[in-house]
Protein backbone atom coordinates (compact mmCIF):
# COMPACT_ATOMS: atom_id res chain seq x y z
CA MET A 1 101.34 116.10 83.85
CA LYS A 2 104.23 117.85 82.10
CA PHE A 3 107.24 117.29 84.36
CA SER A 4 108.85 114.32 86.09
CA VAL A 5 112.09 113.56 87.93
CA LYS A 6 114.76 111.09 86.87
CA ASN A 7 117.59 110.57 89.34
CA GLY A 8 116.96 114.00 90.86
CA LYS A 9 116.70 115.97 87.64
CA ILE A 10 113.50 117.62 86.43
CA ILE A 11 112.65 116.47 82.93
CA LYS A 12 109.66 116.88 80.66
CA THR A 13 107.51 113.77 80.98
CA SER A 14 107.31 113.57 77.19
CA LYS A 15 111.09 113.12 77.15
CA LEU A 16 111.09 110.43 79.80
CA ASN A 17 111.95 106.98 78.47
CA ILE A 18 113.40 103.58 79.32
CA ASN A 19 115.63 101.72 76.90
CA ILE A 20 113.66 98.70 75.75
CA THR A 21 116.86 96.60 75.78
CA ASN A 22 117.36 97.30 79.50
CA GLN A 23 117.48 93.87 81.18
CA ALA A 24 116.00 95.22 84.40
CA TYR A 25 112.97 96.34 82.41
CA TRP A 26 112.60 92.90 80.81
CA PHE A 27 113.05 90.98 84.05
CA ASP A 28 110.88 93.35 86.14
CA PHE A 29 113.87 94.00 88.39
CA SER A 30 112.14 97.00 89.88
CA VAL A 31 109.99 98.24 92.74
CA TYR A 32 107.51 101.09 93.01
CA THR A 33 105.05 102.90 95.21
CA SER A 34 102.15 105.26 94.54
CA LEU A 35 101.52 108.34 96.66
CA LYS A 36 98.38 110.39 97.13
CA VAL A 37 98.55 114.18 97.15
CA ILE A 38 95.78 116.07 98.96
CA GLY A 39 95.74 119.84 99.04
CA GLY A 40 99.30 119.93 97.73
CA LYS A 41 100.53 117.72 100.58
CA ILE A 42 101.75 114.14 100.18
CA PHE A 43 99.80 111.58 102.20
CA TYR A 44 102.44 110.13 104.58
CA ALA A 45 105.48 110.60 102.34
CA ASP A 46 107.86 109.08 104.91
CA TYR A 47 105.99 105.79 104.91
CA HIS A 48 106.01 105.51 101.11
CA VAL A 49 109.71 106.30 100.81
CA GLU A 50 110.46 103.77 103.54
CA ARG A 51 108.37 101.12 101.79
CA LEU A 52 110.20 101.76 98.51
CA PHE A 53 113.53 101.26 100.29
CA ASP A 54 112.25 98.18 102.11
CA SER A 55 111.04 96.57 98.86
CA ALA A 56 114.40 97.32 97.23
CA LEU A 57 116.24 95.76 100.17
CA LYS A 58 114.11 92.60 100.10
CA LEU A 59 114.66 92.26 96.35
CA ASP A 60 118.40 93.00 96.79
CA LEU A 61 118.03 95.93 94.39
CA GLY A 62 121.08 98.13 94.91
CA HIS A 63 120.86 101.94 94.71
CA ASP A 64 122.55 105.04 96.11
CA PHE A 65 119.55 107.26 96.86
CA ASN A 66 118.69 108.67 100.27
CA ARG A 67 115.35 109.41 101.86
CA ASP A 68 115.68 113.18 102.23
CA ASP A 69 116.65 113.69 98.59
CA ILE A 70 113.69 111.64 97.42
CA LYS A 71 111.26 113.63 99.55
CA ASN A 72 112.69 116.85 98.12
CA TRP A 73 112.26 115.53 94.58
CA LEU A 74 108.66 114.60 95.33
CA GLU A 75 108.02 118.19 96.37
CA LYS A 76 109.63 119.41 93.15
CA VAL A 77 107.23 117.31 91.09
CA ILE A 78 104.25 118.67 93.02
CA LYS A 79 105.35 122.29 92.64
CA LYS A 80 106.46 122.04 89.03
CA ASN A 81 103.16 120.46 88.00
CA LYS A 82 101.10 122.60 90.41
CA ILE A 83 99.41 119.51 91.82
CA LYS A 84 96.68 120.10 94.37
CA ASP A 85 95.02 116.68 94.45
CA GLY A 86 96.43 113.73 92.54
CA PHE A 87 98.76 110.75 92.41
CA ILE A 88 102.51 110.42 92.06
CA ARG A 89 104.33 107.19 91.30
CA MET A 90 107.92 106.39 92.25
CA PHE A 91 109.62 103.69 90.22
CA LEU A 92 113.05 102.27 91.04
CA LEU A 93 114.59 100.35 88.13
CA GLY A 94 117.53 98.15 89.06
CA ASP A 95 121.05 97.86 87.71
CA VAL A 96 121.36 94.27 86.48
CA GLU A 97 125.10 94.31 85.78
CA LYS A 98 126.61 95.77 88.97
CA ASN A 99 123.53 96.17 91.18
CA GLU A 100 124.71 99.59 92.31
CA LYS A 101 123.22 102.38 90.18
CA ALA A 102 119.46 101.99 89.96
CA ASP A 103 117.41 104.65 88.18
CA LEU A 104 114.68 106.45 90.10
CA TYR A 105 111.68 107.90 88.26
CA ILE A 106 109.06 110.12 89.92
CA VAL A 107 106.02 110.71 87.73
CA ALA A 108 102.73 112.52 88.29
CA ILE A 109 100.04 110.17 86.97
CA GLY A 110 96.75 112.04 87.25
CA GLY A 111 93.94 113.05 89.56
CA LEU A 112 92.33 111.25 92.47
CA THR A 113 89.71 108.57 91.97
CA PHE A 114 86.42 109.08 93.79
CA TYR A 115 83.79 106.38 94.22
CA PRO A 116 80.02 106.83 94.67
CA ASP A 117 78.77 107.11 98.25
CA LYS A 118 76.51 104.09 97.68
CA PHE A 119 79.61 101.88 97.29
CA TYR A 120 80.55 102.66 100.90
CA LYS A 121 76.99 102.19 102.16
CA GLU A 122 75.86 99.21 100.09
CA GLY A 123 79.09 97.45 99.15
CA VAL A 124 80.66 96.51 95.81
CA LEU A 125 80.92 93.46 93.56
CA ALA A 126 84.03 91.29 93.38
CA ILE A 127 85.20 88.09 91.74
CA THR A 128 87.96 85.65 92.64
CA TYR A 129 90.92 84.91 90.42
CA ALA A 130 93.38 82.03 90.86
CA GLY A 131 96.92 83.28 91.38
CA GLU A 132 99.37 84.68 93.89
CA ARG A 133 102.15 87.21 93.54
CA HIS A 134 105.71 85.84 93.39
CA PHE A 135 107.02 88.06 96.18
CA PRO A 136 104.06 88.85 98.45
CA ASN A 137 105.91 91.30 100.74
CA ILE A 138 107.57 93.27 97.94
CA LYS A 139 105.87 96.01 95.93
CA SER A 140 107.51 94.95 92.69
CA LYS A 141 106.55 95.82 89.12
CA ASP A 142 105.60 92.20 88.43
CA LEU A 143 101.99 93.25 87.81
CA LEU A 144 100.72 91.07 84.96
CA LEU A 145 98.65 88.85 87.27
CA SER A 146 96.93 91.85 88.82
CA PHE A 147 96.32 93.44 85.43
CA VAL A 148 94.70 90.32 83.95
CA ALA A 149 92.63 89.63 87.08
CA LEU A 150 91.34 93.21 87.32
CA ARG A 151 90.51 93.27 83.61
CA GLN A 152 88.43 90.13 84.09
CA ALA A 153 86.64 91.72 87.05
CA LYS A 154 85.78 94.81 85.03
CA LYS A 155 84.42 92.67 82.19
CA ARG A 156 82.01 91.15 84.70
CA GLY A 157 80.96 94.51 86.10
CA CYS A 158 82.94 94.15 89.33
CA LEU A 159 85.18 96.63 91.11
CA GLU A 160 87.88 94.21 92.22
CA ALA A 161 89.32 90.72 91.77
CA LEU A 162 90.44 88.78 94.83
CA LEU A 163 93.57 86.67 94.35
CA VAL A 164 93.14 83.10 95.60
CA ASP A 165 96.18 80.89 96.25
CA LYS A 166 96.66 77.17 95.61
CA GLU A 167 95.14 76.32 99.00
CA GLY A 168 91.93 78.16 98.16
CA CYS A 169 92.64 81.11 100.46
CA VAL A 170 91.97 84.72 99.55
CA ARG A 171 95.16 86.72 99.96
CA GLU A 172 94.45 90.22 98.65
CA GLY A 173 92.91 92.18 95.83
CA THR A 174 94.76 93.30 92.72
CA ARG A 175 95.24 96.75 94.32
CA THR A 176 93.69 96.31 97.76
CA ASN A 177 94.04 94.54 101.08
CA PHE A 178 91.24 92.11 102.01
CA TYR A 179 89.49 91.56 105.35
CA ALA A 180 86.76 89.36 106.78
CA LEU A 181 84.46 90.02 109.75
CA LYS A 182 83.22 87.31 112.09
CA ASP A 183 81.64 87.67 115.54
CA GLY A 184 82.94 91.24 115.83
CA VAL A 185 86.51 90.21 114.98
CA ILE A 186 88.48 91.51 111.99
CA ILE A 187 90.35 88.74 110.19
CA ILE A 188 93.30 89.43 107.92
CA PRO A 189 95.47 86.98 105.94
CA PRO A 190 98.87 86.12 107.49
CA ASP A 191 101.52 88.84 107.05
CA GLU A 192 103.90 86.67 105.07
CA LYS A 193 101.30 86.11 102.34
CA VAL A 194 100.38 89.71 101.50
CA LEU A 195 101.68 93.20 100.96
CA GLU A 196 100.74 95.60 103.73
CA GLY A 197 99.30 98.76 102.23
CA ILE A 198 99.45 102.12 103.94
CA THR A 199 95.69 102.05 104.58
CA LYS A 200 95.95 98.63 106.20
CA LYS A 201 98.80 99.80 108.40
CA PHE A 202 96.82 102.77 109.68
CA LEU A 203 93.52 100.92 109.90
CA LYS A 204 95.02 98.40 112.33
CA GLU A 205 96.09 101.26 114.56
CA ALA A 206 92.75 103.05 114.18
CA VAL A 207 90.58 100.12 115.27
CA LYS A 208 92.79 98.35 117.81
CA ASP A 209 90.88 99.68 120.83
CA ASP A 210 87.49 98.68 119.42
CA PHE A 211 88.10 95.51 117.44
CA LYS A 212 90.16 92.39 117.94
CA ILE A 213 92.29 91.58 114.90
CA ILE A 214 93.47 88.05 114.13
CA LYS A 215 95.64 86.76 111.31
CA GLU A 216 94.51 83.58 109.64
CA ASP A 217 93.68 82.17 106.22
CA ILE A 218 90.32 83.16 104.74
CA ARG A 219 89.09 80.25 102.63
CA ILE A 220 86.85 81.04 99.71
CA LYS A 221 84.82 77.86 100.28
CA ASP A 222 83.76 79.27 103.67
CA ILE A 223 82.56 82.57 102.22
CA GLU A 224 79.02 82.21 103.59
CA SER A 225 80.21 81.59 107.16
CA TYR A 226 81.58 85.13 107.62
CA ASP A 227 79.67 88.21 108.75
CA GLY A 228 81.10 90.35 105.98
CA PHE A 229 84.11 91.43 103.97
CA PHE A 230 85.78 94.70 103.10
CA LEU A 231 88.70 96.13 101.15
CA THR A 232 91.14 98.93 101.86
CA SER A 233 93.44 100.94 99.62
CA THR A 234 94.77 104.48 99.25
CA THR A 235 91.99 105.32 96.79
CA MET A 236 89.13 103.30 98.30
CA ASN A 237 89.77 103.79 102.03
CA VAL A 238 87.36 101.26 103.64
CA MET A 239 85.06 99.64 101.08
CA PRO A 240 82.56 96.85 101.96
CA ILE A 241 81.90 93.94 99.59
CA LYS A 242 78.32 92.87 98.94
CA ASN A 243 78.82 90.05 96.45
CA ILE A 244 81.64 87.66 95.49
CA ASN A 245 81.32 85.47 92.40
CA GLY A 246 77.60 86.11 92.31
CA ILE A 247 77.13 85.06 95.94
CA ASP A 248 75.61 87.71 98.19
CA CYS A 249 77.70 88.48 101.26
CA LYS A 250 76.48 89.55 104.65
CA ILE A 251 77.17 93.20 105.45
CA ASN A 252 77.13 94.32 109.07
CA LEU A 253 76.58 97.99 108.33
CA ASP A 254 76.99 99.09 111.94
CA ARG A 255 80.44 97.54 112.19
CA ILE A 256 81.48 98.70 108.74
CA LYS A 257 80.40 102.27 109.53
CA LYS A 258 82.32 102.16 112.78
CA ILE A 259 85.48 100.95 111.04
CA GLN A 260 85.10 103.64 108.37
CA LYS A 261 84.63 106.30 111.03
CA LEU A 262 87.59 105.16 113.12
CA TYR A 263 89.86 105.16 110.09
CA LYS A 264 88.68 108.57 108.93
CA GLU A 265 89.28 110.05 112.36
CA TYR A 266 92.74 108.47 112.58
CA ILE A 267 94.02 110.05 109.35
CA LYS A 268 92.23 113.40 109.55
CA ASP A 269 95.32 115.28 110.72
CA PHE A 270 97.89 113.63 108.49
């Protein structure tokens, strides 16, 4: 994509840069969010802007931007790049010295990712990787753990790596939220241990009349005691898992299909 926004100004992406001596860059004093564009329309822009502000607040990252301006700048990036379907990333880089004047970058990063239908019908492969993010509820640019874990998953022919904490509990994927199914109940890790993605937020609303949802630790040693697992993300929607670390997982296709259908119906008029 040819054009981006920095602090409200349209700039050629090729001219966009960050000073390598910037301490905020070195210390990862920054937050971000990625937005999906479908048919030229941003998928729940308000939620993404709010999450960016919430992450900045939790990290005590000072800035002087407002929500309406940011939404207008997002529209500028879409129009200037003539984006129909694709992704945009917002990146807020902090001000280390005074904590007042953060820099905001809005960059178009490419087209949408589509996965084969069989992934949604048959499930995907995953591995586990030991590690947990430093600030679970903040969408910060501290992404090295996720990068290394996902790279390892890809080397082993898997779609995702599941991050496992010191207690042996699966928290989330490198770019996904993680769920277990047991006796018709959807189980999700406790809120304080994970980042709530937009898909997870809407999925909980979509299924609440048909499924009970409980929040509790999902221990990897108990993997064979569950009725199934699935992932959610902006790109994957609802994706079942068929194998973790070489161990086949149960897949209740009827329940998975119902969850997929409920979610699809919930977001159809976004």
